[in-house]
Every structure is written in C-alpha cells, then in structure tokens.
Amino acid sequence: MAASSSSPASKNNAAEKPRLSEQEKKNNHIASEQKRREAIRAGFDRLADIVPGMEGQGRSEATVLQATVQYTKDQINERKLLLDTAKQMGIDVSQHEINPDVIHEAASRP
C-alpha cells in the first residue's frame, strides 16, 4: 500500500501545531520586518563608524553610502599610488596588483 500525504504522522504534526491566525501571521510579519530594518540600520551604523568623516553628520542611508563609495575610491587610488611608488623603487609588487580594469571601472563611476 502506497504512503499518502495524509499519513497518521502528518496528521499528528498538524494536530500538535495548530495553524496561525491571521493576526498571528500579521504580528510575525511585523516582527520579521522590524528585525530586517534593525539589521540594515546596524549595518549602516557599522559603515558610518568605519568611514572617516562621518562623525557628527546625519546618518541617512544615502549619506553613508555616498561617503562609503568615495572612501573606497580614495583607498583604491591610494593603493595604486603606493604600488606605483614601490615599482619605481624596484620592488616586485606582482602579487599585490589588482586587475586595472576593475580599478578603472570602480574609479570612473559617479
């Protein structure tokens, strides 16, 4: 005899765990959304702590993202200058180089 989807075991699970009411579903959704927003807010706070110059500024998401992009571009350019200086001094930097297309693409974005 083939097992059906309404086996005694699945009926027991359903009996042990009643379906959520619409209000419970709504409450769970609200709690999940609040948790998601808090995680995003915490991520932006961490970025604002890492990126120099964010002290005392409004922490709107757009401001934090713009400052993070600029800081990242600055770091890429500084790294490139350091590698160029090391090359001029005769230091082998081949293990530390990044594909120039990646750097150019990142630096050229607005």
PDB file of N, CA and C in Angstrom:
ATOM      1  N   MET A   1       0.852  -1.177   0.000  1.00  0.00           N
ATOM      2  CA  MET A   1       0.000   0.000   0.000  1.00  0.00           C
ATOM      3  C   MET A   1       0.890   1.229   0.000  1.00  0.00           C
ATOM      4  N   ALA A   2       0.622   2.165  -0.872  1.00  0.00           N
ATOM      5  CA  ALA A   2       1.451   3.364  -1.014  1.00  0.00           C
ATOM      6  C   ALA A   2       1.150   4.343   0.109  1.00  0.00           C
ATOM      7  N   ALA A   3       2.190   5.059   0.542  1.00  0.00           N
ATOM      8  CA  ALA A   3       2.019   6.068   1.589  1.00  0.00           C
ATOM      9  C   ALA A   3       1.365   7.296   1.001  1.00  0.00           C
ATOM     10  N   SER A   4       0.413   7.840   1.695  1.00  0.00           N
ATOM     11  CA  SER A   4      -0.249   9.043   1.209  1.00  0.00           C
ATOM     12  C   SER A   4       0.226  10.242   2.005  1.00  0.00           C
ATOM     13  N   SER A   5      -0.067  11.428   1.476  1.00  0.00           N
ATOM     14  CA  SER A   5       0.373  12.653   2.142  1.00  0.00           C
ATOM     15  C   SER A   5      -0.381  12.897   3.447  1.00  0.00           C
ATOM     16  N   SER A   6      -1.476  12.164   3.638  1.00  0.00           N
ATOM     17  CA  SER A   6      -2.233  12.352   4.877  1.00  0.00           C
ATOM     18  C   SER A   6      -2.017  11.156   5.795  1.00  0.00           C
ATOM     19  N   SER A   7      -0.755  10.791   5.968  1.00  0.00           N
ATOM     20  CA  SER A   7      -0.408   9.684   6.843  1.00  0.00           C
ATOM     21  C   SER A   7      -0.686  10.075   8.295  1.00  0.00           C
ATOM     22  N   PRO A   8      -0.784   9.087   9.165  1.00  0.00           N
ATOM     23  CA  PRO A   8      -1.030   9.393  10.581  1.00  0.00           C
ATOM     24  C   PRO A   8       0.017  10.315  11.181  1.00  0.00           C
ATOM     25  N   ALA A   9       1.273  10.162  10.743  1.00  0.00           N
ATOM     26  CA  ALA A   9       2.336  11.017  11.291  1.00  0.00           C
ATOM     27  C   ALA A   9       2.100  12.477  10.936  1.00  0.00           C
ATOM     28  N   SER A  10       1.716  12.760   9.682  1.00  0.00           N
ATOM     29  CA  SER A  10       1.487  14.149   9.291  1.00  0.00           C
ATOM     30  C   SER A  10       0.241  14.710   9.961  1.00  0.00           C
ATOM     31  N   LYS A  11      -0.751  13.841  10.224  1.00  0.00           N
ATOM     32  CA  LYS A  11      -1.948  14.302  10.934  1.00  0.00           C
ATOM     33  C   LYS A  11      -1.597  14.665  12.374  1.00  0.00           C
ATOM     34  N   ASN A  12      -0.698  13.896  12.982  1.00  0.00           N
ATOM     35  CA  ASN A  12      -0.274  14.205  14.351  1.00  0.00           C
ATOM     36  C   ASN A  12       0.462  15.532  14.407  1.00  0.00           C
ATOM     37  N   ASN A  13       1.343  15.799  13.433  1.00  0.00           N
ATOM     38  CA  ASN A  13       2.074  17.067  13.399  1.00  0.00           C
ATOM     39  C   ASN A  13       1.111  18.237  13.271  1.00  0.00           C
ATOM     40  N   ALA A  14       0.111  18.074  12.429  1.00  0.00           N
ATOM     41  CA  ALA A  14      -0.864  19.142  12.240  1.00  0.00           C
ATOM     42  C   ALA A  14      -1.675  19.351  13.526  1.00  0.00           C
ATOM     43  N   ALA A  15      -1.967  18.268  14.212  1.00  0.00           N
ATOM     44  CA  ALA A  15      -2.748  18.383  15.445  1.00  0.00           C
ATOM     45  C   ALA A  15      -1.918  19.038  16.550  1.00  0.00           C
ATOM     46  N   GLU A  16      -0.615  18.740  16.572  1.00  0.00           N
ATOM     47  CA  GLU A  16       0.242  19.309  17.600  1.00  0.00           C
ATOM     48  C   GLU A  16       0.528  20.784  17.359  1.00  0.00           C
ATOM     49  N   LYS A  17       0.531  21.186  16.119  1.00  0.00           N
ATOM     50  CA  LYS A  17       0.908  22.552  15.763  1.00  0.00           C
ATOM     51  C   LYS A  17      -0.245  23.202  14.991  1.00  0.00           C
ATOM     52  N   PRO A  18      -1.128  23.879  15.698  1.00  0.00           N
ATOM     53  CA  PRO A  18      -2.277  24.475  15.018  1.00  0.00           C
ATOM     54  C   PRO A  18      -1.844  25.613  14.089  1.00  0.00           C
ATOM     55  N   ARG A  19      -2.640  25.848  13.069  1.00  0.00           N
ATOM     56  CA  ARG A  19      -2.355  26.934  12.126  1.00  0.00           C
ATOM     57  C   ARG A  19      -2.427  28.277  12.846  1.00  0.00           C
ATOM     58  N   LEU A  20      -1.624  29.216  12.326  1.00  0.00           N
ATOM     59  CA  LEU A  20      -1.629  30.556  12.911  1.00  0.00           C
ATOM     60  C   LEU A  20      -2.863  31.321  12.460  1.00  0.00           C
ATOM     61  N   SER A  21      -3.356  32.148  13.334  1.00  0.00           N
ATOM     62  CA  SER A  21      -4.472  33.013  12.952  1.00  0.00           C
ATOM     63  C   SER A  21      -3.938  34.129  12.067  1.00  0.00           C
ATOM     64  N   GLU A  22      -4.815  34.816  11.413  1.00  0.00           N
ATOM     65  CA  GLU A  22      -4.398  35.937  10.553  1.00  0.00           C
ATOM     66  C   GLU A  22      -3.664  36.997  11.369  1.00  0.00           C
ATOM     67  N   GLN A  23      -4.113  37.266  12.599  1.00  0.00           N
ATOM     68  CA  GLN A  23      -3.453  38.246  13.457  1.00  0.00           C
ATOM     69  C   GLN A  23      -2.055  37.786  13.847  1.00  0.00           C
ATOM     70  N   GLU A  24      -1.905  36.488  14.132  1.00  0.00           N
ATOM     71  CA  GLU A  24      -0.576  35.955  14.469  1.00  0.00           C
ATOM     72  C   GLU A  24       0.367  36.051  13.269  1.00  0.00           C
ATOM     73  N   LYS A  25      -0.154  35.755  12.086  1.00  0.00           N
ATOM     74  CA  LYS A  25       0.656  35.894  10.867  1.00  0.00           C
ATOM     75  C   LYS A  25       1.097  37.341  10.678  1.00  0.00           C
ATOM     76  N   LYS A  26       0.152  38.247  10.893  1.00  0.00           N
ATOM     77  CA  LYS A  26       0.459  39.673  10.753  1.00  0.00           C
ATOM     78  C   LYS A  26       1.514  40.104  11.766  1.00  0.00           C
ATOM     79  N   ASN A  27       1.359  39.665  13.009  1.00  0.00           N
ATOM     80  CA  ASN A  27       2.330  40.010  14.056  1.00  0.00           C
ATOM     81  C   ASN A  27       3.715  39.451  13.727  1.00  0.00           C
ATOM     82  N   ASN A  28       3.762  38.202  13.230  1.00  0.00           N
ATOM     83  CA  ASN A  28       5.041  37.609  12.846  1.00  0.00           C
ATOM     84  C   ASN A  28       5.691  38.393  11.713  1.00  0.00           C
ATOM     85  N   HIS A  29       4.887  38.810  10.759  1.00  0.00           N
ATOM     86  CA  HIS A  29       5.408  39.583   9.629  1.00  0.00           C
ATOM     87  C   HIS A  29       5.966  40.927  10.107  1.00  0.00           C
ATOM     88  N   ILE A  30       5.245  41.583  10.986  1.00  0.00           N
ATOM     89  CA  ILE A  30       5.695  42.870  11.529  1.00  0.00           C
ATOM     90  C   ILE A  30       7.012  42.687  12.281  1.00  0.00           C
ATOM     91  N   ALA A  31       7.095  41.646  13.089  1.00  0.00           N
ATOM     92  CA  ALA A  31       8.324  41.388  13.857  1.00  0.00           C
ATOM     93  C   ALA A  31       9.495  41.082  12.920  1.00  0.00           C
ATOM     94  N   SER A  32       9.239  40.307  11.875  1.00  0.00           N
ATOM     95  CA  SER A  32      10.302  39.985  10.910  1.00  0.00           C
ATOM     96  C   SER A  32      10.770  41.239  10.192  1.00  0.00           C
ATOM     97  N   GLU A  33       9.842  42.086   9.827  1.00  0.00           N
ATOM     98  CA  GLU A  33      10.192  43.331   9.123  1.00  0.00           C
ATOM     99  C   GLU A  33      10.988  44.266  10.037  1.00  0.00           C
ATOM    100  N   GLN A  34      10.598  44.349  11.298  1.00  0.00           N
ATOM    101  CA  GLN A  34      11.342  45.178  12.247  1.00  0.00           C
ATOM    102  C   GLN A  34      12.764  44.648  12.430  1.00  0.00           C
ATOM    103  N   LYS A  35      12.909  43.331  12.492  1.00  0.00           N
ATOM    104  CA  LYS A  35      14.226  42.714  12.629  1.00  0.00           C
ATOM    105  C   LYS A  35      15.084  43.016  11.393  1.00  0.00           C
ATOM    106  N   ARG A  36      14.482  42.940  10.212  1.00  0.00           N
ATOM    107  CA  ARG A  36      15.193  43.230   8.970  1.00  0.00           C
ATOM    108  C   ARG A  36      15.659  44.680   8.943  1.00  0.00           C
ATOM    109  N   ARG A  37      14.766  45.608   9.304  1.00  0.00           N
ATOM    110  CA  ARG A  37      15.136  47.031   9.312  1.00  0.00           C
ATOM    111  C   ARG A  37      16.224  47.320  10.329  1.00  0.00           C
ATOM    112  N   GLU A  38      16.167  46.665  11.480  1.00  0.00           N
ATOM    113  CA  GLU A  38      17.198  46.856  12.506  1.00  0.00           C
ATOM    114  C   GLU A  38      18.550  46.346  12.013  1.00  0.00           C
ATOM    115  N   ALA A  39      18.558  45.231  11.302  1.00  0.00           N
ATOM    116  CA  ALA A  39      19.820  44.706  10.754  1.00  0.00           C
ATOM    117  C   ALA A  39      20.406  45.674   9.728  1.00  0.00           C
ATOM    118  N   ILE A  40      19.569  46.259   8.899  1.00  0.00           N
ATOM    119  CA  ILE A  40      20.030  47.243   7.918  1.00  0.00           C
ATOM    120  C   ILE A  40      20.571  48.475   8.631  1.00  0.00           C
ATOM    121  N   ARG A  41      19.840  48.952   9.626  1.00  0.00           N
ATOM    122  CA  ARG A  41      20.274  50.122  10.395  1.00  0.00           C
ATOM    123  C   ARG A  41      21.627  49.858  11.068  1.00  0.00           C
ATOM    124  N   ALA A  42      21.787  48.667  11.635  1.00  0.00           N
ATOM    125  CA  ALA A  42      23.056  48.313  12.292  1.00  0.00           C
ATOM    126  C   ALA A  42      24.190  48.268  11.265  1.00  0.00           C
ATOM    127  N   GLY A  43      23.909  47.770  10.079  1.00  0.00           N
ATOM    128  CA  GLY A  43      24.922  47.745   9.024  1.00  0.00           C
ATOM    129  C   GLY A  43      25.351  49.143   8.626  1.00  0.00           C
ATOM    130  N   PHE A  44      24.414  50.048   8.482  1.00  0.00           N
ATOM    131  CA  PHE A  44      24.752  51.437   8.149  1.00  0.00           C
ATOM    132  C   PHE A  44      25.518  52.101   9.286  1.00  0.00           C
ATOM    133  N   ASP A  45      25.164  51.777  10.522  1.00  0.00           N
ATOM    134  CA  ASP A  45      25.919  52.318  11.663  1.00  0.00           C
ATOM    135  C   ASP A  45      27.361  51.823  11.642  1.00  0.00           C
ATOM    136  N   ARG A  46      27.563  50.534  11.327  1.00  0.00           N
ATOM    137  CA  ARG A  46      28.927  49.998  11.234  1.00  0.00           C
ATOM    138  C   ARG A  46      29.701  50.690  10.124  1.00  0.00           C
ATOM    139  N   LEU A  47      29.063  50.900   8.973  1.00  0.00           N
ATOM    140  CA  LEU A  47      29.738  51.618   7.883  1.00  0.00           C
ATOM    141  C   LEU A  47      30.109  53.029   8.322  1.00  0.00           C
ATOM    142  N   ALA A  48      29.191  53.707   8.972  1.00  0.00           N
ATOM    143  CA  ALA A  48      29.448  55.083   9.415  1.00  0.00           C
ATOM    144  C   ALA A  48      30.593  55.120  10.426  1.00  0.00           C
ATOM    145  N   ASP A  49      30.753  54.073  11.222  1.00  0.00           N
ATOM    146  CA  ASP A  49      31.858  54.014  12.183  1.00  0.00           C
ATOM    147  C   ASP A  49      33.199  53.790  11.482  1.00  0.00           C
ATOM    148  N   ILE A  50      33.197  53.084  10.369  1.00  0.00           N
ATOM    149  CA  ILE A  50      34.427  52.743   9.650  1.00  0.00           C
ATOM    150  C   ILE A  50      34.905  53.879   8.758  1.00  0.00           C
ATOM    151  N   VAL A  51      33.967  54.552   8.102  1.00  0.00           N
ATOM    152  CA  VAL A  51      34.318  55.564   7.103  1.00  0.00           C
ATOM    153  C   VAL A  51      34.691  56.877   7.794  1.00  0.00           C
ATOM    154  N   PRO A  52      35.909  57.366   7.547  1.00  0.00           N
ATOM    155  CA  PRO A  52      36.317  58.636   8.156  1.00  0.00           C
ATOM    156  C   PRO A  52      35.441  59.794   7.672  1.00  0.00           C
ATOM    157  N   GLY A  53      35.251  60.753   8.554  1.00  0.00           N
ATOM    158  CA  GLY A  53      34.494  61.942   8.183  1.00  0.00           C
ATOM    159  C   GLY A  53      33.006  61.845   8.426  1.00  0.00           C
ATOM    160  N   MET A  54      32.539  60.726   8.931  1.00  0.00           N
ATOM    161  CA  MET A  54      31.100  60.574   9.171  1.00  0.00           C
ATOM    162  C   MET A  54      30.690  61.069  10.554  1.00  0.00           C
ATOM    163  N   GLU A  55      31.667  61.419  11.394  1.00  0.00           N
ATOM    164  CA  GLU A  55      31.351  61.881  12.736  1.00  0.00           C
ATOM    165  C   GLU A  55      30.554  63.176  12.664  1.00  0.00           C
ATOM    166  N   GLY A  56      29.478  63.229  13.400  1.00  0.00           N
ATOM    167  CA  GLY A  56      28.706  64.452  13.506  1.00  0.00           C
ATOM    168  C   GLY A  56      27.812  64.743  12.311  1.00  0.00           C
ATOM    169  N   GLN A  57      27.822  63.889  11.316  1.00  0.00           N
ATOM    170  CA  GLN A  57      26.942  64.100  10.160  1.00  0.00           C
ATOM    171  C   GLN A  57      25.665  63.307  10.363  1.00  0.00           C
ATOM    172  N   GLY A  58      24.651  63.732   9.659  1.00  0.00           N
ATOM    173  CA  GLY A  58      23.419  62.958   9.675  1.00  0.00           C
ATOM    174  C   GLY A  58      23.714  61.586   9.100  1.00  0.00           C
ATOM    175  N   ARG A  59      23.072  60.609   9.635  1.00  0.00           N
ATOM    176  CA  ARG A  59      23.359  59.251   9.190  1.00  0.00           C
ATOM    177  C   ARG A  59      22.265  58.725   8.274  1.00  0.00           C
ATOM    178  N   SER A  60      21.873  59.518   7.322  1.00  0.00           N
ATOM    179  CA  SER A  60      20.911  58.986   6.364  1.00  0.00           C
ATOM    180  C   SER A  60      21.609  57.910   5.556  1.00  0.00           C
ATOM    181  N   GLU A  61      20.852  56.944   5.089  1.00  0.00           N
ATOM    182  CA  GLU A  61      21.434  55.849   4.321  1.00  0.00           C
ATOM    183  C   GLU A  61      22.147  56.369   3.080  1.00  0.00           C
ATOM    184  N   ALA A  62      21.570  57.349   2.414  1.00  0.00           N
ATOM    185  CA  ALA A  62      22.186  57.897   1.203  1.00  0.00           C
ATOM    186  C   ALA A  62      23.533  58.544   1.523  1.00  0.00           C
ATOM    187  N   THR A  63      23.603  59.293   2.611  1.00  0.00           N
ATOM    188  CA  THR A  63      24.851  59.951   3.007  1.00  0.00           C
ATOM    189  C   THR A  63      25.926  58.925   3.334  1.00  0.00           C
ATOM    190  N   VAL A  64      25.556  57.896   4.075  1.00  0.00           N
ATOM    191  CA  VAL A  64      26.513  56.853   4.441  1.00  0.00           C
ATOM    192  C   VAL A  64      27.011  56.127   3.198  1.00  0.00           C
ATOM    193  N   LEU A  65      26.101  55.800   2.283  1.00  0.00           N
ATOM    194  CA  LEU A  65      26.516  55.107   1.058  1.00  0.00           C
ATOM    195  C   LEU A  65      27.426  55.978   0.199  1.00  0.00           C
ATOM    196  N   GLN A  66      27.081  57.242   0.041  1.00  0.00           N
ATOM    197  CA  GLN A  66      27.919  58.140  -0.755  1.00  0.00           C
ATOM    198  C   GLN A  66      29.311  58.270  -0.153  1.00  0.00           C
ATOM    199  N   ALA A  67      29.380  58.446   1.159  1.00  0.00           N
ATOM    200  CA  ALA A  67      30.679  58.574   1.826  1.00  0.00           C
ATOM    201  C   ALA A  67      31.472  57.274   1.716  1.00  0.00           C
ATOM    202  N   THR A  68      30.798  56.133   1.798  1.00  0.00           N
ATOM    203  CA  THR A  68      31.470  54.841   1.688  1.00  0.00           C
ATOM    204  C   THR A  68      32.037  54.631   0.292  1.00  0.00           C
ATOM    205  N   VAL A  69      31.270  54.986  -0.716  1.00  0.00           N
ATOM    206  CA  VAL A  69      31.753  54.865  -2.097  1.00  0.00           C
ATOM    207  C   VAL A  69      32.968  55.759  -2.306  1.00  0.00           C
ATOM    208  N   GLN A  70      32.902  57.001  -1.842  1.00  0.00           N
ATOM    209  CA  GLN A  70      34.027  57.919  -2.009  1.00  0.00           C
ATOM    210  C   GLN A  70      35.260  57.420  -1.268  1.00  0.00           C
ATOM    211  N   TYR A  71      35.067  56.944  -0.048  1.00  0.00           N
ATOM    212  CA  TYR A  71      36.179  56.423   0.745  1.00  0.00           C
ATOM    213  C   TYR A  71      36.826  55.220   0.047  1.00  0.00           C
ATOM    214  N   THR A  72      36.002  54.340  -0.491  1.00  0.00           N
ATOM    215  CA  THR A  72      36.511  53.163  -1.194  1.00  0.00           C
ATOM    216  C   THR A  72      37.312  53.572  -2.423  1.00  0.00           C
ATOM    217  N   LYS A  73      36.793  54.527  -3.188  1.00  0.00           N
ATOM    218  CA  LYS A  73      37.524  55.027  -4.355  1.00  0.00           C
ATOM    219  C   LYS A  73      38.861  55.630  -3.941  1.00  0.00           C
ATOM    220  N   ASP A  74      38.854  56.407  -2.862  1.00  0.00           N
ATOM    221  CA  ASP A  74      40.087  57.019  -2.355  1.00  0.00           C
ATOM    222  C   ASP A  74      41.098  55.948  -1.959  1.00  0.00           C
ATOM    223  N   GLN A  75      40.621  54.896  -1.309  1.00  0.00           N
ATOM    224  CA  GLN A  75      41.511  53.817  -0.889  1.00  0.00           C
ATOM    225  C   GLN A  75      42.103  53.084  -2.090  1.00  0.00           C
ATOM    226  N   ILE A  76      41.296  52.867  -3.115  1.00  0.00           N
ATOM    227  CA  ILE A  76      41.790  52.223  -4.342  1.00  0.00           C
ATOM    228  C   ILE A  76      42.861  53.085  -4.983  1.00  0.00           C
ATOM    229  N   ASN A  77      42.619  54.386  -5.076  1.00  0.00           N
ATOM    230  CA  ASN A  77      43.605  55.290  -5.679  1.00  0.00           C
ATOM    231  C   ASN A  77      44.891  55.354  -4.852  1.00  0.00           C
ATOM    232  N   GLU A  78      44.762  55.388  -3.525  1.00  0.00           N
ATOM    233  CA  GLU A  78      45.941  55.422  -2.664  1.00  0.00           C
ATOM    234  C   GLU A  78      46.757  54.139  -2.810  1.00  0.00           C
ATOM    235  N   ARG A  79      46.079  53.020  -2.894  1.00  0.00           N
ATOM    236  CA  ARG A  79      46.759  51.742  -3.080  1.00  0.00           C
ATOM    237  C   ARG A  79      47.519  51.724  -4.399  1.00  0.00           C
ATOM    238  N   LYS A  80      46.875  52.228  -5.441  1.00  0.00           N
ATOM    239  CA  LYS A  80      47.521  52.285  -6.755  1.00  0.00           C
ATOM    240  C   LYS A  80      48.784  53.150  -6.696  1.00  0.00           C
ATOM    241  N   LEU A  81      48.702  54.291  -6.034  1.00  0.00           N
ATOM    242  CA  LEU A  81      49.875  55.163  -5.898  1.00  0.00           C
ATOM    243  C   LEU A  81      51.004  54.468  -5.128  1.00  0.00           C
ATOM    244  N   LEU A  82      50.646  53.755  -4.081  1.00  0.00           N
ATOM    245  CA  LEU A  82      51.657  53.027  -3.307  1.00  0.00           C
ATOM    246  C   LEU A  82      52.328  51.940  -4.153  1.00  0.00           C
ATOM    247  N   LEU A  83      51.528  51.226  -4.927  1.00  0.00           N
ATOM    248  CA  LEU A  83      52.097  50.195  -5.792  1.00  0.00           C
ATOM    249  C   LEU A  83      53.008  50.813  -6.851  1.00  0.00           C
ATOM    250  N   ASP A  84      52.566  51.938  -7.439  1.00  0.00           N
ATOM    251  CA  ASP A  84      53.390  52.619  -8.440  1.00  0.00           C
ATOM    252  C   ASP A  84      54.713  53.085  -7.827  1.00  0.00           C
ATOM    253  N   THR A  85      54.668  53.627  -6.628  1.00  0.00           N
ATOM    254  CA  THR A  85      55.881  54.083  -5.946  1.00  0.00           C
ATOM    255  C   THR A  85      56.811  52.899  -5.665  1.00  0.00           C
ATOM    256  N   ALA A  86      56.230  51.797  -5.207  1.00  0.00           N
ATOM    257  CA  ALA A  86      57.037  50.607  -4.929  1.00  0.00           C
ATOM    258  C   ALA A  86      57.695  50.089  -6.212  1.00  0.00           C
ATOM    259  N   LYS A  87      56.940  50.095  -7.312  1.00  0.00           N
ATOM    260  CA  LYS A  87      57.508  49.656  -8.603  1.00  0.00           C
ATOM    261  C   LYS A  87      58.693  50.538  -8.995  1.00  0.00           C
ATOM    262  N   GLN A  88      58.532  51.845  -8.826  1.00  0.00           N
ATOM    263  CA  GLN A  88      59.605  52.782  -9.181  1.00  0.00           C
ATOM    264  C   GLN A  88      60.849  52.550  -8.330  1.00  0.00           C
ATOM    265  N   MET A  89      60.643  52.014  -7.137  1.00  0.00           N
ATOM    266  CA  MET A  89      61.774  51.729  -6.251  1.00  0.00           C
ATOM    267  C   MET A  89      62.366  50.342  -6.535  1.00  0.00           C
ATOM    268  N   GLY A  90      61.801  49.652  -7.515  1.00  0.00           N
ATOM    269  CA  GLY A  90      62.318  48.341  -7.888  1.00  0.00           C
ATOM    270  C   GLY A  90      61.763  47.194  -7.071  1.00  0.00           C
ATOM    271  N   ILE A  91      60.693  47.414  -6.361  1.00  0.00           N
ATOM    272  CA  ILE A  91      60.079  46.361  -5.546  1.00  0.00           C
ATOM    273  C   ILE A  91      59.093  45.578  -6.403  1.00  0.00           C
ATOM    274  N   ASP A  92      59.148  44.253  -6.299  1.00  0.00           N
ATOM    275  CA  ASP A  92      58.220  43.394  -7.040  1.00  0.00           C
ATOM    276  C   ASP A  92      56.850  43.424  -6.347  1.00  0.00           C
ATOM    277  N   VAL A  93      55.870  43.949  -7.041  1.00  0.00           N
ATOM    278  CA  VAL A  93      54.523  44.060  -6.475  1.00  0.00           C
ATOM    279  C   VAL A  93      53.516  43.198  -7.232  1.00  0.00           C
ATOM    280  N   SER A  94      54.021  42.283  -8.040  1.00  0.00           N
ATOM    281  CA  SER A  94      53.133  41.489  -8.898  1.00  0.00           C
ATOM    282  C   SER A  94      52.084  40.710  -8.100  1.00  0.00           C
ATOM    283  N   GLN A  95      52.404  40.301  -6.895  1.00  0.00           N
ATOM    284  CA  GLN A  95      51.442  39.562  -6.072  1.00  0.00           C
ATOM    285  C   GLN A  95      50.372  40.471  -5.476  1.00  0.00           C
ATOM    286  N   HIS A  96      50.589  41.763  -5.524  1.00  0.00           N
ATOM    287  CA  HIS A  96      49.673  42.696  -4.876  1.00  0.00           C
ATOM    288  C   HIS A  96      48.834  43.499  -5.855  1.00  0.00           C
ATOM    289  N   GLU A  97      49.044  43.279  -7.121  1.00  0.00           N
ATOM    290  CA  GLU A  97      48.330  44.074  -8.114  1.00  0.00           C
ATOM    291  C   GLU A  97      46.916  43.548  -8.317  1.00  0.00           C
ATOM    292  N   ILE A  98      46.032  44.474  -8.639  1.00  0.00           N
ATOM    293  CA  ILE A  98      44.637  44.172  -8.946  1.00  0.00           C
ATOM    294  C   ILE A  98      44.452  44.447 -10.428  1.00  0.00           C
ATOM    295  N   ASN A  99      43.556  43.740 -11.048  1.00  0.00           N
ATOM    296  CA  ASN A  99      43.255  43.951 -12.456  1.00  0.00           C
ATOM    297  C   ASN A  99      42.941  45.429 -12.688  1.00  0.00           C
ATOM    298  N   PRO A 100      43.679  46.118 -13.554  1.00  0.00           N
ATOM    299  CA  PRO A 100      43.471  47.557 -13.776  1.00  0.00           C
ATOM    300  C   PRO A 100      42.070  47.894 -14.276  1.00  0.00           C
ATOM    301  N   ASP A 101      41.429  46.969 -14.985  1.00  0.00           N
ATOM    302  CA  ASP A 101      40.071  47.228 -15.458  1.00  0.00           C
ATOM    303  C   ASP A 101      39.104  47.385 -14.291  1.00  0.00           C
ATOM    304  N   VAL A 102      39.307  46.596 -13.262  1.00  0.00           N
ATOM    305  CA  VAL A 102      38.443  46.661 -12.075  1.00  0.00           C
ATOM    306  C   VAL A 102      38.624  48.011 -11.380  1.00  0.00           C
ATOM    307  N   ILE A 103      39.867  48.435 -11.236  1.00  0.00           N
ATOM    308  CA  ILE A 103      40.136  49.720 -10.595  1.00  0.00           C
ATOM    309  C   ILE A 103      39.569  50.866 -11.426  1.00  0.00           C
ATOM    310  N   HIS A 104      39.807  50.822 -12.727  1.00  0.00           N
ATOM    311  CA  HIS A 104      39.309  51.901 -13.592  1.00  0.00           C
ATOM    312  C   HIS A 104      37.789  51.972 -13.552  1.00  0.00           C
ATOM    313  N   GLU A 105      37.154  50.824 -13.619  1.00  0.00           N
ATOM    314  CA  GLU A 105      35.681  50.786 -13.601  1.00  0.00           C
ATOM    315  C   GLU A 105      35.136  51.361 -12.291  1.00  0.00           C
ATOM    316  N   ALA A 106      35.732  50.973 -11.173  1.00  0.00           N
ATOM    317  CA  ALA A 106      35.265  51.466  -9.868  1.00  0.00           C
ATOM    318  C   ALA A 106      35.523  52.952  -9.715  1.00  0.00           C
ATOM    319  N   ALA A 107      36.675  53.407 -10.176  1.00  0.00           N
ATOM    320  CA  ALA A 107      37.038  54.819 -10.009  1.00  0.00           C
ATOM    321  C   ALA A 107      36.252  55.725 -10.943  1.00  0.00           C
ATOM    322  N   SER A 108      35.755  55.201 -12.039  1.00  0.00           N
ATOM    323  CA  SER A 108      35.069  56.057 -13.019  1.00  0.00           C
ATOM    324  C   SER A 108      33.575  56.197 -12.761  1.00  0.00           C
ATOM    325  N   ARG A 109      33.053  55.419 -11.848  1.00  0.00           N
ATOM    326  CA  ARG A 109      31.611  55.527 -11.550  1.00  0.00           C
ATOM    327  C   ARG A 109      31.367  56.794 -10.743  1.00  0.00           C
ATOM    328  N   PRO A 110      30.208  57.412 -10.984  1.00  0.00           N
ATOM    329  CA  PRO A 110      29.878  58.646 -10.236  1.00  0.00           C
ATOM    330  C   PRO A 110      29.616  58.397  -8.771  1.00  0.00           C
TER     331      PRO A 110
END
